[in-house]
C-alpha cells in the first residue's frame, strides 16, 4: 500500500501541483506525485505526513484523504493500492521546497495531457474536482492566502481553482455574507489609487490548516 500527495497552490494566477521526477523504475525519469510505500509501523496519515516532511519540509499542516486508487494494472511491479491525500499550501512553502530540490517542480494542475507516472493524472483530476466542490460550502481557498488579504486576492484564488472568471459584485456579496471573513479596519499599504480594504479569517476559520 502506498500514499500519494496532491500538494496544490496558486502560482501566477493558475492552480499548480507539486511533482517529483522519479529516479528509479518503474517510470524512471517521468514526473509523478510525491509518495511512498506505507511503513510497517505507520498508519496512513503517519505515512502521508512523513512524505510531506521529506518532500516539503513541513511537519504540520492540513491534509485531507482524497480517495483510494486500486486498479489492478496501475503499478507494473505488483498489485498496489494507493491512498491519495491532498492539501493546499501557500506558494512560498512549495517554492522553497522546489528551490532546494532538483527533482521537484511546480506544474499546472491541468495535467490531462502530461505523461505522468502510474495513474497520477487521474488522481490529480479527482483532487481538482474535490477542491472545486468544496469552494461552494467551505472557506478552503483561505488556505492559499496570507493572514490579511483583499477581496481581489480572494477572488483571484477562486478563479484560479475554478479556471474561470467570476462576477465581481456577486462574488463579493457571497463572501461578505458567508461569515468566513471579516474586515481588519486597515487598507493595503502603498497602493497608488484607492487602497483596498484588508480582510482576515473570522475566529472560527482562523486556522489555515483545516479549511
Protein backbone atom coordinates (compact mmCIF):
# COMPACT_ATOMS: atom_id res chain seq x y z
CA UNK A 1 0.00 0.00 0.00
CA UNK A 2 1.22 3.49 -0.83
CA UNK A 3 0.25 7.09 -0.15
CA UNK A 4 0.43 9.81 -2.79
CA UNK A 5 0.19 13.53 -2.02
CA UNK A 6 -1.51 16.12 -4.22
CA UNK A 7 0.04 19.34 -2.90
CA UNK A 8 -1.57 22.34 -4.58
CA UNK A 9 -1.04 26.09 -4.60
CA UNK A 10 -1.80 29.08 -6.81
CA UNK A 11 1.16 30.21 -8.89
CA UNK A 12 0.94 33.18 -11.27
CA UNK A 13 -2.84 33.00 -11.32
CA UNK A 14 -3.05 29.27 -12.01
CA UNK A 15 -3.68 26.23 -9.83
CA UNK A 16 -0.38 24.35 -9.59
CA UNK A 17 0.67 20.97 -8.20
CA UNK A 18 3.99 19.72 -6.85
CA UNK A 19 5.51 16.93 -8.93
CA UNK A 20 8.64 14.85 -8.50
CA UNK A 21 10.82 13.31 -11.22
CA UNK A 22 11.25 9.64 -10.48
CA UNK A 23 14.81 8.40 -10.14
CA UNK A 24 14.08 4.69 -10.46
CA UNK A 25 11.88 2.24 -12.29
CA UNK A 26 9.10 1.96 -12.98
CA UNK A 27 8.67 5.19 -14.95
CA UNK A 28 12.23 6.38 -14.27
CA UNK A 29 12.64 9.98 -15.40
CA UNK A 30 8.90 10.71 -15.51
CA UNK A 31 7.07 13.16 -13.28
CA UNK A 32 4.82 11.81 -10.54
CA UNK A 33 3.14 12.85 -7.34
CA UNK A 34 5.32 12.65 -4.23
CA UNK A 35 4.55 9.39 -2.49
CA UNK A 36 5.84 6.40 -0.62
CA UNK A 37 5.00 2.89 0.48
CA UNK A 38 3.41 2.80 3.91
CA UNK A 39 5.90 1.58 6.50
CA UNK A 40 5.12 -1.49 8.63
CA UNK A 41 4.75 0.63 11.77
CA UNK A 42 2.83 3.50 10.13
CA UNK A 43 -0.83 4.23 9.70
CA UNK A 44 -1.94 6.06 6.56
CA UNK A 45 -1.79 9.59 7.97
CA UNK A 46 1.63 8.97 9.51
CA UNK A 47 2.95 7.90 6.12
CA UNK A 48 1.38 10.93 4.41
CA UNK A 49 2.88 13.31 6.94
CA UNK A 50 6.29 11.65 6.57
CA UNK A 51 6.14 12.29 2.83
CA UNK A 52 5.07 15.88 3.47
CA UNK A 53 8.07 16.37 5.76
CA UNK A 54 10.53 14.69 3.40
CA UNK A 55 9.39 16.48 0.23
CA UNK A 56 8.32 19.89 1.54
CA UNK A 57 9.98 20.12 4.94
CA UNK A 58 6.66 20.64 6.74
CA UNK A 59 5.79 18.69 9.86
CA UNK A 60 2.36 20.27 10.33
CA UNK A 61 -0.44 21.25 8.01
CA UNK A 62 -3.87 20.30 6.79
CA UNK A 63 -4.10 17.04 4.84
CA UNK A 64 -7.38 15.57 3.62
CA UNK A 65 -7.77 11.99 2.50
CA UNK A 66 -8.95 12.12 -1.09
CA UNK A 67 -9.69 8.66 -2.48
CA UNK A 68 -8.28 5.16 -2.84
CA UNK A 69 -6.95 4.01 -6.21
CA UNK A 70 -6.64 0.28 -6.79
CA UNK A 71 -6.89 -0.65 -10.44
CA UNK A 72 -5.04 -3.98 -10.87
CA UNK A 73 -2.64 -2.64 -13.51
CA UNK A 74 -1.90 0.80 -12.04
CA UNK A 75 1.59 -0.31 -10.95
CA UNK A 76 3.55 -2.62 -13.28
CA UNK A 77 5.52 -4.13 -10.40
CA UNK A 78 2.69 -5.72 -8.45
CA UNK A 79 -0.80 -5.07 -7.12
CA UNK A 80 -0.53 -1.75 -5.27
CA UNK A 81 -3.36 0.26 -3.76
CA UNK A 82 -2.68 3.95 -3.23
CA UNK A 83 -4.45 6.21 -0.76
CA UNK A 84 -4.26 9.78 -2.03
CA UNK A 85 -4.22 12.86 0.17
CA UNK A 86 -4.43 16.45 -0.90
CA UNK A 87 -3.56 19.76 0.68
CA UNK A 88 -3.46 23.44 -0.17
CA UNK A 89 -0.23 25.20 0.73
CA UNK A 90 0.96 28.80 0.40
CA UNK A 91 3.04 29.20 -2.74
CA UNK A 92 6.09 30.21 -0.71
CA UNK A 93 6.23 26.83 1.04
CA UNK A 94 6.22 24.89 -2.22
CA UNK A 95 8.60 27.28 -3.99
CA UNK A 96 11.03 26.86 -1.09
CA UNK A 97 10.84 23.07 -1.47
CA UNK A 98 11.38 23.25 -5.22
CA UNK A 99 14.28 25.66 -4.82
CA UNK A 100 16.26 23.14 -2.82
CA UNK A 101 15.47 20.02 -4.84
CA UNK A 102 16.40 19.41 -8.48
CA UNK A 103 13.84 16.60 -8.73
CA UNK A 104 10.85 18.72 -7.67
CA UNK A 105 8.84 21.07 -9.84
CA UNK A 106 5.63 23.07 -9.71
CA UNK A 107 3.44 22.44 -12.75
CA UNK A 108 -0.03 23.47 -13.85
CA UNK A 109 -2.67 21.24 -12.27
CA UNK A 110 -4.22 20.92 -15.74
CA UNK A 111 -2.21 17.75 -16.40
CA UNK A 112 -4.60 15.72 -18.57
CA UNK A 113 -2.08 15.64 -21.43
CA UNK A 114 1.09 15.25 -19.35
CA UNK A 115 2.82 11.83 -19.36
CA UNK A 116 2.75 11.32 -15.60
CA UNK A 117 3.70 8.05 -13.95
CA UNK A 118 1.16 5.48 -12.78
CA UNK A 119 -2.42 6.85 -12.70
CA UNK A 120 -1.41 10.21 -11.29
CA UNK A 121 -3.26 12.20 -13.95
CA UNK A 122 -6.46 10.59 -12.65
CA UNK A 123 -5.54 11.31 -9.03
CA UNK A 124 -4.91 14.99 -9.76
CA UNK A 125 -8.21 15.23 -11.64
CA UNK A 126 -10.01 13.83 -8.58
CA UNK A 127 -8.27 16.38 -6.34
CA UNK A 128 -9.23 19.29 -8.60
CA UNK A 129 -12.85 18.15 -8.65
CA UNK A 130 -12.91 17.80 -4.85
CA UNK A 131 -11.37 21.22 -4.41
CA UNK A 132 -13.81 22.90 -6.78
CA UNK A 133 -16.71 21.27 -4.99
CA UNK A 134 -15.50 22.46 -1.59
CA UNK A 135 -15.47 26.09 -2.71
CA UNK A 136 -19.27 26.16 -2.61
CA UNK A 137 -19.59 25.27 1.08
CA UNK A 138 -16.25 25.84 2.84
CA UNK A 139 -13.56 28.53 3.18
CA UNK A 140 -10.94 26.22 1.69
CA UNK A 141 -9.48 28.99 -0.51
CA UNK A 142 -8.32 30.85 2.60
CA UNK A 143 -5.54 28.29 3.00
CA UNK A 144 -3.84 29.90 0.00
CA UNK A 145 -3.90 33.46 1.33
CA UNK A 146 -1.81 35.35 3.88
CA UNK A 147 -3.25 36.44 7.22
CA UNK A 148 -4.66 39.63 5.66
CA UNK A 149 -5.85 39.92 2.08
CA UNK A 150 -8.10 41.91 -0.22
CA UNK A 151 -11.32 40.71 -1.79
CA UNK A 152 -9.46 40.97 -5.09
CA UNK A 153 -6.89 38.47 -3.80
CA UNK A 154 -9.64 36.12 -2.64
CA UNK A 155 -11.44 36.29 -5.96
CA UNK A 156 -8.18 35.60 -7.84
CA UNK A 157 -7.69 32.39 -5.83
CA UNK A 158 -11.25 31.24 -6.53
CA UNK A 159 -10.82 31.95 -10.23
CA UNK A 160 -7.54 30.02 -10.33
CA UNK A 161 -9.18 26.98 -8.74
CA UNK A 162 -12.28 27.13 -10.93
CA UNK A 163 -10.43 28.05 -14.11
CA UNK A 164 -12.96 30.75 -14.99
CA UNK A 165 -13.76 34.40 -14.32
CA UNK A 166 -16.34 35.32 -11.69
CA UNK A 167 -18.77 38.19 -11.49
CA UNK A 168 -17.13 40.68 -9.14
CA UNK A 169 -20.21 42.12 -7.35
CA UNK A 170 -21.87 38.72 -6.93
CA UNK A 171 -18.66 37.13 -5.63
CA UNK A 172 -18.10 39.91 -3.11
CA UNK A 173 -21.67 39.71 -1.82
CA UNK A 174 -21.34 35.96 -1.35
CA UNK A 175 -18.06 36.27 0.53
CA UNK A 176 -19.37 39.05 2.78
CA UNK A 177 -22.48 37.00 3.59
CA UNK A 178 -20.56 33.77 4.20
CA UNK A 179 -19.31 34.54 7.71
CA UNK A 180 -15.85 33.27 6.72
CA UNK A 181 -14.11 36.65 6.58
CA UNK A 182 -14.19 39.98 8.38
CA UNK A 183 -12.68 43.40 7.81
CA UNK A 184 -9.48 44.32 9.64
CA UNK A 185 -10.17 48.06 9.64
CA UNK A 186 -7.00 48.56 7.62
CA UNK A 187 -6.19 49.08 3.96
CA UNK A 188 -3.46 47.67 1.76
CA UNK A 189 -0.22 49.66 2.07
CA UNK A 190 1.48 51.68 -0.67
CA UNK A 191 -1.43 51.40 -3.08
CA UNK A 192 -1.29 54.04 -5.82
CA UNK A 193 -5.06 54.51 -6.16
CA UNK A 194 -7.86 53.83 -3.71
CA UNK A 195 -6.16 51.25 -1.48
CA UNK A 196 -8.43 48.26 -0.97
CA UNK A 197 -9.74 47.17 2.41
CA UNK A 198 -7.93 44.26 4.06
CA UNK A 199 -9.80 41.24 5.37
CA UNK A 200 -8.93 38.25 7.56
CA UNK A 201 -10.48 34.93 8.51
CA UNK A 202 -13.10 35.06 11.21
CA UNK A 203 -12.13 33.50 14.53
CA UNK A 204 -13.69 30.12 13.80
CA UNK A 205 -11.82 29.90 10.48
CA UNK A 206 -8.54 31.41 11.68
CA UNK A 207 -6.55 28.15 11.26
CA UNK A 208 -5.40 27.77 7.68
CA UNK A 209 -4.61 24.10 8.27
CA UNK A 210 -8.25 22.98 8.47
CA UNK A 211 -10.32 24.71 5.78
